[in-house]
Amino acid sequence: MARSDTDTASDVAVGDDGSVWITCSPKMKESGIHVMYYDFSTEKFIKSRGMGLEIAVTSTGEPLMALENGELILKREGELIKLNGYARDLSVTKQDDVWIVSSEKIVGGYEVYKGKLG
């Protein structure tokens, strides 16, 4: 298994298209690097615009990020789009269904929601 050249990551996600995205560790964030994607042609992680604590990837390779405050951000065609909702964890299916663990604690844990990216 190859080791990344990015120091450490907080989260990793792989899209149905094979794209690989990471959210960076606190140490990397201190240097201004928050989100990176893996470039298979150079075999290196490349800095990308975005930020987040948790990350998932859509079927077309677009990262969906949950910020430290729970806000959801989708990077689509280079633009960062704030979505409705908050999450502490998330996942995206190959049909672009989004599953999130809510950021609001309830008795016994956290609620789970399913949505659809449009």
C-alpha atoms as a PDB file:
ATOM      1  CA  MET A   1       0.000   0.000   0.000  1.00  0.00           C
ATOM      2  CA  ALA A   2       1.326   3.446  -0.925  1.00  0.00           C
ATOM      3  CA  ARG A   3       1.811   6.086   1.760  1.00  0.00           C
ATOM      4  CA  SER A   4       0.482   9.576   1.106  1.00  0.00           C
ATOM      5  CA  ASP A   5       2.916  12.478   0.863  1.00  0.00           C
ATOM      6  CA  THR A   6       0.568  14.723   2.853  1.00  0.00           C
ATOM      7  CA  ASP A   7       1.617  13.971   6.431  1.00  0.00           C
ATOM      8  CA  THR A   8      -1.688  12.835   7.917  1.00  0.00           C
ATOM      9  CA  ALA A   9      -5.400  13.061   7.204  1.00  0.00           C
ATOM     10  CA  SER A  10      -8.532  13.350   9.319  1.00  0.00           C
ATOM     11  CA  ASP A  11     -10.792  11.518   6.870  1.00  0.00           C
ATOM     12  CA  VAL A  12     -10.624   9.798   3.479  1.00  0.00           C
ATOM     13  CA  ALA A  13     -13.319   9.061   0.892  1.00  0.00           C
ATOM     14  CA  VAL A  14     -13.330   7.257  -2.444  1.00  0.00           C
ATOM     15  CA  GLY A  15     -15.896   8.073  -5.127  1.00  0.00           C
ATOM     16  CA  ASP A  16     -17.653   5.576  -7.356  1.00  0.00           C
ATOM     17  CA  ASP A  17     -15.528   7.015 -10.183  1.00  0.00           C
ATOM     18  CA  GLY A  18     -12.349   6.055  -8.271  1.00  0.00           C
ATOM     19  CA  SER A  19     -11.451   9.573  -7.131  1.00  0.00           C
ATOM     20  CA  VAL A  20      -9.798   9.844  -3.715  1.00  0.00           C
ATOM     21  CA  TRP A  21     -10.234  12.866  -1.427  1.00  0.00           C
ATOM     22  CA  ILE A  22      -8.941  13.602   2.065  1.00  0.00           C
ATOM     23  CA  THR A  23      -9.524  16.172   4.762  1.00  0.00           C
ATOM     24  CA  CYS A  24      -6.218  17.094   6.289  1.00  0.00           C
ATOM     25  CA  SER A  25      -4.989  16.747   9.831  1.00  0.00           C
ATOM     26  CA  PRO A  26      -4.889  19.727  12.197  1.00  0.00           C
ATOM     27  CA  LYS A  27      -1.146  20.050  11.507  1.00  0.00           C
ATOM     28  CA  MET A  28      -1.763  20.384   7.758  1.00  0.00           C
ATOM     29  CA  LYS A  29      -4.643  22.812   8.357  1.00  0.00           C
ATOM     30  CA  GLU A  30      -2.303  25.076  10.335  1.00  0.00           C
ATOM     31  CA  SER A  31      -0.260  25.445   7.142  1.00  0.00           C
ATOM     32  CA  GLY A  32      -3.416  26.349   5.149  1.00  0.00           C
ATOM     33  CA  ILE A  33      -4.070  22.971   3.501  1.00  0.00           C
ATOM     34  CA  HIS A  34      -7.543  21.607   4.282  1.00  0.00           C
ATOM     35  CA  VAL A  35      -8.677  19.323   1.439  1.00  0.00           C
ATOM     36  CA  MET A  36      -6.682  17.361  -1.119  1.00  0.00           C
ATOM     37  CA  TYR A  37      -7.400  14.921  -3.944  1.00  0.00           C
ATOM     38  CA  TYR A  38      -5.193  12.173  -5.299  1.00  0.00           C
ATOM     39  CA  ASP A  39      -3.794  12.739  -8.794  1.00  0.00           C
ATOM     40  CA  PHE A  40      -3.193   9.302 -10.278  1.00  0.00           C
ATOM     41  CA  SER A  41      -0.975  10.670 -13.079  1.00  0.00           C
ATOM     42  CA  THR A  42       1.564  12.139 -10.636  1.00  0.00           C
ATOM     43  CA  GLU A  43       0.783   9.716  -7.792  1.00  0.00           C
ATOM     44  CA  LYS A  44       0.539  12.642  -5.356  1.00  0.00           C
ATOM     45  CA  PHE A  45      -2.108  14.429  -3.341  1.00  0.00           C
ATOM     46  CA  ILE A  46      -2.957  17.884  -4.696  1.00  0.00           C
ATOM     47  CA  LYS A  47      -4.271  20.792  -2.624  1.00  0.00           C
ATOM     48  CA  SER A  48      -7.843  21.758  -3.477  1.00  0.00           C
ATOM     49  CA  ARG A  49     -10.173  24.557  -2.484  1.00  0.00           C
ATOM     50  CA  GLY A  50     -12.422  23.462   0.331  1.00  0.00           C
ATOM     51  CA  MET A  51     -12.398  22.535   3.982  1.00  0.00           C
ATOM     52  CA  GLY A  52     -13.990  20.064   6.286  1.00  0.00           C
ATOM     53  CA  LEU A  53     -13.661  17.560   9.044  1.00  0.00           C
ATOM     54  CA  GLU A  54     -15.532  14.721   7.302  1.00  0.00           C
ATOM     55  CA  ILE A  55     -15.671  14.015   3.581  1.00  0.00           C
ATOM     56  CA  ALA A  56     -17.641  11.870   1.134  1.00  0.00           C
ATOM     57  CA  VAL A  57     -17.533  11.758  -2.671  1.00  0.00           C
ATOM     58  CA  THR A  58     -20.385  11.811  -5.180  1.00  0.00           C
ATOM     59  CA  SER A  59     -20.678   9.401  -8.090  1.00  0.00           C
ATOM     60  CA  THR A  60     -19.022  11.996 -10.340  1.00  0.00           C
ATOM     61  CA  GLY A  61     -16.088  12.662  -8.003  1.00  0.00           C
ATOM     62  CA  GLU A  62     -17.326  15.836  -6.298  1.00  0.00           C
ATOM     63  CA  PRO A  63     -16.432  16.105  -2.606  1.00  0.00           C
ATOM     64  CA  LEU A  64     -19.146  16.664  -0.033  1.00  0.00           C
ATOM     65  CA  MET A  65     -17.698  18.000   3.217  1.00  0.00           C
ATOM     66  CA  ALA A  66     -18.979  18.454   6.736  1.00  0.00           C
ATOM     67  CA  LEU A  67     -17.292  21.429   8.374  1.00  0.00           C
ATOM     68  CA  GLU A  68     -16.219  21.423  12.011  1.00  0.00           C
ATOM     69  CA  ASN A  69     -19.468  23.255  12.899  1.00  0.00           C
ATOM     70  CA  GLY A  70     -21.487  20.620  10.990  1.00  0.00           C
ATOM     71  CA  GLU A  71     -22.356  22.728   7.929  1.00  0.00           C
ATOM     72  CA  LEU A  72     -22.448  20.783   4.653  1.00  0.00           C
ATOM     73  CA  ILE A  73     -20.473  22.033   1.661  1.00  0.00           C
ATOM     74  CA  LEU A  74     -20.492  20.504  -1.844  1.00  0.00           C
ATOM     75  CA  LYS A  75     -17.712  21.349  -4.278  1.00  0.00           C
ATOM     76  CA  ARG A  76     -19.302  21.371  -7.727  1.00  0.00           C
ATOM     77  CA  GLU A  77     -17.506  22.634 -10.844  1.00  0.00           C
ATOM     78  CA  GLY A  78     -14.965  24.488  -8.675  1.00  0.00           C
ATOM     79  CA  GLU A  79     -17.616  26.301  -6.622  1.00  0.00           C
ATOM     80  CA  LEU A  80     -18.299  25.677  -2.940  1.00  0.00           C
ATOM     81  CA  ILE A  81     -22.049  25.343  -2.346  1.00  0.00           C
ATOM     82  CA  LYS A  82     -23.571  25.377   1.148  1.00  0.00           C
ATOM     83  CA  LEU A  83     -26.314  22.756   1.512  1.00  0.00           C
ATOM     84  CA  ASN A  84     -29.191  22.674   3.972  1.00  0.00           C
ATOM     85  CA  GLY A  85     -28.493  20.544   7.005  1.00  0.00           C
ATOM     86  CA  TYR A  86     -25.747  19.754   9.468  1.00  0.00           C
ATOM     87  CA  ALA A  87     -23.774  16.554   9.997  1.00  0.00           C
ATOM     88  CA  ARG A  88     -21.088  15.024  12.156  1.00  0.00           C
ATOM     89  CA  ASP A  89     -20.525  12.206   9.637  1.00  0.00           C
ATOM     90  CA  LEU A  90     -21.699  11.522   6.085  1.00  0.00           C
ATOM     91  CA  SER A  91     -21.607   9.070   3.213  1.00  0.00           C
ATOM     92  CA  VAL A  92     -22.770   9.140  -0.418  1.00  0.00           C
ATOM     93  CA  THR A  93     -24.015   6.142  -2.421  1.00  0.00           C
ATOM     94  CA  LYS A  94     -23.329   5.578  -6.114  1.00  0.00           C
ATOM     95  CA  GLN A  95     -26.891   6.846  -6.764  1.00  0.00           C
ATOM     96  CA  ASP A  96     -25.929  10.092  -4.928  1.00  0.00           C
ATOM     97  CA  ASP A  97     -28.129   9.366  -1.933  1.00  0.00           C
ATOM     98  CA  VAL A  98     -26.612  11.171   1.043  1.00  0.00           C
ATOM     99  CA  TRP A  99     -26.656   9.572   4.477  1.00  0.00           C
ATOM    100  CA  ILE A 100     -25.754  11.790   7.416  1.00  0.00           C
ATOM    101  CA  VAL A 101     -25.381  11.390  11.140  1.00  0.00           C
ATOM    102  CA  SER A 102     -26.890  14.549  12.625  1.00  0.00           C
ATOM    103  CA  SER A 103     -24.793  17.007  14.582  1.00  0.00           C
ATOM    104  CA  GLU A 104     -27.557  17.337  17.200  1.00  0.00           C
ATOM    105  CA  LYS A 105     -27.239  14.859  20.044  1.00  0.00           C
ATOM    106  CA  ILE A 106     -30.418  13.129  21.209  1.00  0.00           C
ATOM    107  CA  VAL A 107     -31.004  10.613  23.978  1.00  0.00           C
ATOM    108  CA  GLY A 108     -28.968   7.551  23.065  1.00  0.00           C
ATOM    109  CA  GLY A 109     -26.821   9.103  20.313  1.00  0.00           C
ATOM    110  CA  TYR A 110     -27.484  10.911  17.030  1.00  0.00           C
ATOM    111  CA  GLU A 111     -30.217  10.699  14.396  1.00  0.00           C
ATOM    112  CA  VAL A 112     -29.512   9.371  10.899  1.00  0.00           C
ATOM    113  CA  TYR A 113     -31.018  11.025   7.807  1.00  0.00           C
ATOM    114  CA  LYS A 114     -31.146  10.166   4.115  1.00  0.00           C
ATOM    115  CA  GLY A 115     -31.307  12.803   1.386  1.00  0.00           C
ATOM    116  CA  LYS A 116     -30.635  13.181  -2.328  1.00  0.00           C
ATOM    117  CA  LEU A 117     -28.121  15.421  -4.083  1.00  0.00           C
ATOM    118  CA  GLY A 118     -29.765  17.373  -6.856  1.00  0.00           C
END
